[in-house]
Amino acid sequence: MVNPMTQTKATRARRLPREAGKTLVTGVRDALRAQIEAGAYSPGSRLPSEAQLTRDFDVSRTVVREAIAALRSDGLVEPRQGAGVFVLETPPDLNLPFQNIDFVRISSMIEMLELRTAVEVEAAGLAATRRSPAQEEEILRTLGELRTQAAAGRATVEADFALHLAIADATNNPRFRDFLSMIGTNVIPRRALAENTDDAASHAYLQTIDAEHEKIVNAILDGDDDGARAAMRLHLRGSQTRYRTLLRQREN
């Protein structure tokens, strides 16, 4: 059981302002992770209820669920049917896959984009046939958030990743989310490309990405599984092409 004094400190910390550019899911996830790592919730203790976290963070239940899912993927918590979400023992450092990737190297980014294409093309197709109305709403919400961040000139990596996670969730196969969460936001092709383009080119790039995302989302909402697969393939292969172009430019 959490000490009442510790609980008060944890609650105050959760109410601190979120960092600019972070999605709501990321803000909640990071705040809870910080509390767990600081010992506010010891191994075996139960996190506050979903309803309580919703009130504490002033976010929707969907945001809380996604944040908890991210913590679960990291091995920090475990939901138990009818009992709540419990903090796990801190796992030892393991030699996990995808931990030795140099995301600064363009070749590594191309390799990961090829792998993502193999997985996410099928995820898009499954999402088109399996999505629920609530999942449709979440896909649209994350697309809207991505556009809001881009229009405001803020970083879009987290929002982009959230959209891909929402599509993965709409497959109703949790392994798709687990796969993307294990790789993390570093696979979103933004930083290296942005560093090597001027403002006009960056704006054109974001417009291209937005059009590609819109085609994916529309196909999923229309229940067009073949169209969703084709749109996701075009999107991820387009990213591969852009990175290969950058690689050739660096070699010349």
Foldseek 3Di string as FASTA:
>chain_A
DFDPVLVVVLLVQLQPDFDPQADLLVSLLVSVVVSDVVPRADAFGADDALVVSCVSNVHDSVSVVSSVLLCVLVVQWDQDPPPHIGGHDDDDDDPDPLPPQDLVDLVSLLVVLVVCLVQLLQLLLLLLAQADPVLLVQLVVLLVVLVVCVVVVHDRLNSVLSNSLSSNVSSVPCVSNSVSSVNDSSSPPDDVLVVPDDPVVSVVVVVVLSVLSVQLSVCSPVSNSVSNSVSSNCNSVVSSVSSVVVVVVVVD
